Structure formats: C-alpha cells, structure tokens
Amino acid sequence: MAYLDPAPFAAGGIAVMPFQPPTTTIWSSSRKVSALWALAALGPHDLAARLQTLASDHALRAAAA
C-alpha cells in the first residue's frame, strides 16, 4: 500500500487496512483484477456512466426477482 498516505486518515481516527479477498472459489484470481485498465481506456466519465448502467440493470433485475 505504498500508494496511500495513511496520515490524513489517522488524523481523522480512521484505520487504513488492506482489503484481503478470500483465496478460494470465485475469489481465487481476484487479486489480479483491477478497474484501472477501464479507467485508462475509457476515461472517468465513460467509466462512471457504464458503472451506473450496470448498477441500474442490477437493481432492475433484483426488483424483478
């Protein structure tokens, strides 16, 4: 986590801890997954729009179930 300066969080009383996904089942390759490629390829506005569409689609499917 060298990319993150924990000092501002500590000043606010917030502990910074790395997220450690499970290493079994569907999570076995999760440490290799990143959304940075999408951010670099699409840009922040297009990526945000696509994520909002996915969230909306998910909400519609959940409501229909």
N, C-alpha and C. Protein backbone atom coordinates (compact mmCIF):
# COMPACT_ATOMS: atom_id res chain seq x y z
N MET A 1 0.83 -1.20 0.00
CA MET A 1 0.00 0.00 0.00
C MET A 1 0.87 1.25 0.00
N ALA A 2 1.95 1.21 -0.70
CA ALA A 2 2.85 2.35 -0.76
C ALA A 2 2.21 3.54 -1.48
N TYR A 3 1.15 3.31 -2.21
CA TYR A 3 0.49 4.38 -2.96
C TYR A 3 -0.40 5.26 -2.08
N LEU A 4 -0.61 4.86 -0.83
CA LEU A 4 -1.55 5.56 0.04
C LEU A 4 -0.84 6.13 1.25
N ASP A 5 -1.09 7.39 1.53
CA ASP A 5 -0.54 8.02 2.73
C ASP A 5 -1.58 7.87 3.84
N PRO A 6 -1.31 7.05 4.84
CA PRO A 6 -2.31 6.82 5.89
C PRO A 6 -2.44 7.98 6.88
N ALA A 7 -1.51 8.94 6.86
CA ALA A 7 -1.52 10.02 7.85
C ALA A 7 -2.83 10.82 7.88
N PRO A 8 -3.38 11.25 6.74
CA PRO A 8 -4.65 12.00 6.81
C PRO A 8 -5.80 11.18 7.40
N PHE A 9 -5.79 9.89 7.14
CA PHE A 9 -6.83 9.03 7.70
C PHE A 9 -6.64 8.89 9.21
N ALA A 10 -5.40 8.67 9.62
CA ALA A 10 -5.09 8.53 11.05
C ALA A 10 -5.49 9.80 11.80
N ALA A 11 -5.27 10.96 11.19
CA ALA A 11 -5.64 12.23 11.82
C ALA A 11 -7.15 12.30 12.07
N GLY A 12 -7.91 11.62 11.21
CA GLY A 12 -9.36 11.59 11.38
C GLY A 12 -9.85 10.39 12.16
N GLY A 13 -8.90 9.63 12.71
CA GLY A 13 -9.29 8.46 13.51
C GLY A 13 -9.75 7.28 12.68
N ILE A 14 -9.31 7.22 11.43
CA ILE A 14 -9.72 6.15 10.52
C ILE A 14 -8.54 5.22 10.28
N ALA A 15 -8.73 3.96 10.60
CA ALA A 15 -7.68 2.97 10.37
C ALA A 15 -7.67 2.58 8.89
N VAL A 16 -6.49 2.49 8.33
CA VAL A 16 -6.34 2.06 6.93
C VAL A 16 -5.83 0.63 6.94
N MET A 17 -6.60 -0.25 6.33
CA MET A 17 -6.22 -1.66 6.27
C MET A 17 -6.39 -2.16 4.85
N PRO A 18 -5.47 -2.98 4.38
CA PRO A 18 -5.63 -3.52 3.02
C PRO A 18 -6.79 -4.51 2.96
N PHE A 19 -7.48 -4.51 1.85
CA PHE A 19 -8.56 -5.48 1.63
C PHE A 19 -7.92 -6.78 1.18
N GLN A 20 -8.23 -7.84 1.88
CA GLN A 20 -7.68 -9.16 1.55
C GLN A 20 -8.83 -10.07 1.14
N PRO A 21 -9.07 -10.22 -0.16
CA PRO A 21 -10.17 -11.10 -0.59
C PRO A 21 -9.82 -12.56 -0.30
N PRO A 22 -10.84 -13.40 -0.18
CA PRO A 22 -10.59 -14.83 0.02
C PRO A 22 -9.76 -15.39 -1.15
N THR A 23 -9.13 -16.50 -0.95
CA THR A 23 -8.30 -17.09 -2.00
C THR A 23 -8.89 -18.39 -2.53
N THR A 24 -10.16 -18.62 -2.28
CA THR A 24 -10.82 -19.84 -2.75
C THR A 24 -12.03 -19.49 -3.61
N THR A 25 -12.60 -20.49 -4.22
CA THR A 25 -13.80 -20.40 -5.08
C THR A 25 -13.64 -19.30 -6.13
N ILE A 26 -14.67 -18.51 -6.36
CA ILE A 26 -14.63 -17.50 -7.42
C ILE A 26 -13.62 -16.39 -7.13
N TRP A 27 -13.15 -16.32 -5.89
CA TRP A 27 -12.21 -15.28 -5.49
C TRP A 27 -10.75 -15.65 -5.76
N SER A 28 -10.48 -16.84 -6.24
CA SER A 28 -9.10 -17.31 -6.34
C SER A 28 -8.19 -16.41 -7.18
N SER A 29 -8.74 -15.75 -8.18
CA SER A 29 -7.90 -14.86 -9.01
C SER A 29 -8.23 -13.39 -8.80
N SER A 30 -8.95 -13.07 -7.74
CA SER A 30 -9.43 -11.71 -7.53
C SER A 30 -8.32 -10.69 -7.31
N ARG A 31 -7.17 -11.12 -6.83
CA ARG A 31 -6.08 -10.17 -6.61
C ARG A 31 -5.47 -9.68 -7.91
N LYS A 32 -5.82 -10.32 -9.01
CA LYS A 32 -5.31 -9.92 -10.32
C LYS A 32 -6.26 -8.98 -11.03
N VAL A 33 -7.44 -8.76 -10.48
CA VAL A 33 -8.48 -7.95 -11.11
C VAL A 33 -8.32 -6.49 -10.71
N SER A 34 -8.45 -5.60 -11.69
CA SER A 34 -8.35 -4.18 -11.42
C SER A 34 -9.24 -3.42 -12.39
N ALA A 35 -9.79 -2.32 -11.93
CA ALA A 35 -10.59 -1.46 -12.80
C ALA A 35 -9.75 -0.35 -13.42
N LEU A 36 -8.46 -0.34 -13.11
CA LEU A 36 -7.61 0.73 -13.65
C LEU A 36 -7.51 0.71 -15.16
N TRP A 37 -7.52 -0.49 -15.76
CA TRP A 37 -7.46 -0.55 -17.23
C TRP A 37 -8.68 0.14 -17.82
N ALA A 38 -9.84 -0.07 -17.22
CA ALA A 38 -11.07 0.55 -17.73
C ALA A 38 -11.00 2.06 -17.58
N LEU A 39 -10.48 2.53 -16.48
CA LEU A 39 -10.34 3.97 -16.27
C LEU A 39 -9.40 4.57 -17.31
N ALA A 40 -8.30 3.89 -17.57
CA ALA A 40 -7.33 4.39 -18.56
C ALA A 40 -7.89 4.32 -19.98
N ALA A 41 -8.61 3.26 -20.28
CA ALA A 41 -9.11 3.06 -21.64
C ALA A 41 -10.35 3.93 -21.94
N LEU A 42 -11.22 4.08 -20.97
CA LEU A 42 -12.50 4.75 -21.20
C LEU A 42 -12.52 6.19 -20.73
N GLY A 43 -11.75 6.49 -19.71
CA GLY A 43 -11.81 7.81 -19.09
C GLY A 43 -12.83 7.80 -17.97
N PRO A 44 -12.73 8.75 -17.06
CA PRO A 44 -13.58 8.72 -15.87
C PRO A 44 -15.07 8.89 -16.15
N HIS A 45 -15.43 9.71 -17.10
CA HIS A 45 -16.86 9.96 -17.35
C HIS A 45 -17.54 8.76 -17.99
N ASP A 46 -16.89 8.17 -19.00
CA ASP A 46 -17.47 7.00 -19.66
C ASP A 46 -17.52 5.82 -18.71
N LEU A 47 -16.47 5.63 -17.92
CA LEU A 47 -16.46 4.53 -16.96
C LEU A 47 -17.58 4.72 -15.94
N ALA A 48 -17.74 5.93 -15.42
CA ALA A 48 -18.81 6.19 -14.45
C ALA A 48 -20.18 5.91 -15.05
N ALA A 49 -20.38 6.32 -16.30
CA ALA A 49 -21.66 6.09 -16.97
C ALA A 49 -21.93 4.59 -17.12
N ARG A 50 -20.90 3.84 -17.49
CA ARG A 50 -21.08 2.39 -17.65
C ARG A 50 -21.35 1.71 -16.32
N LEU A 51 -20.66 2.14 -15.27
CA LEU A 51 -20.91 1.55 -13.95
C LEU A 51 -22.31 1.89 -13.45
N GLN A 52 -22.78 3.10 -13.74
CA GLN A 52 -24.14 3.47 -13.34
C GLN A 52 -25.16 2.63 -14.10
N THR A 53 -24.90 2.34 -15.37
CA THR A 53 -25.79 1.49 -16.16
C THR A 53 -25.83 0.08 -15.57
N LEU A 54 -24.66 -0.45 -15.22
CA LEU A 54 -24.61 -1.78 -14.60
C LEU A 54 -25.38 -1.81 -13.29
N ALA A 55 -25.21 -0.79 -12.47
CA ALA A 55 -25.91 -0.74 -11.19
C ALA A 55 -27.41 -0.66 -11.40
N SER A 56 -27.82 0.11 -12.38
CA SER A 56 -29.23 0.26 -12.70
C SER A 56 -29.81 -1.06 -13.18
N ASP A 57 -29.09 -1.74 -14.08
CA ASP A 57 -29.54 -3.03 -14.58
C ASP A 57 -29.65 -4.04 -13.44
N HIS A 58 -28.68 -4.02 -12.54
CA HIS A 58 -28.69 -4.93 -11.41
C HIS A 58 -29.90 -4.66 -10.51
N ALA A 59 -30.18 -3.40 -10.26
CA ALA A 59 -31.33 -3.02 -9.43
C ALA A 59 -32.64 -3.47 -10.08
N LEU A 60 -32.74 -3.33 -11.38
CA LEU A 60 -33.96 -3.75 -12.09
C LEU A 60 -34.13 -5.27 -12.00
N ARG A 61 -33.03 -6.01 -12.18
CA ARG A 61 -33.13 -7.46 -12.09
C ARG A 61 -33.46 -7.90 -10.67
N ALA A 62 -32.88 -7.24 -9.69
CA ALA A 62 -33.15 -7.59 -8.30
C ALA A 62 -34.61 -7.31 -7.95
N ALA A 63 -35.15 -6.23 -8.47
CA ALA A 63 -36.54 -5.87 -8.20
C ALA A 63 -37.51 -6.87 -8.86
N ALA A 64 -37.11 -7.40 -10.01
CA ALA A 64 -37.97 -8.34 -10.74
C ALA A 64 -37.94 -9.74 -10.14
N ALA A 65 -36.92 -10.01 -9.35
CA ALA A 65 -36.78 -11.38 -8.78
C ALA A 65 -37.70 -11.62 -7.63
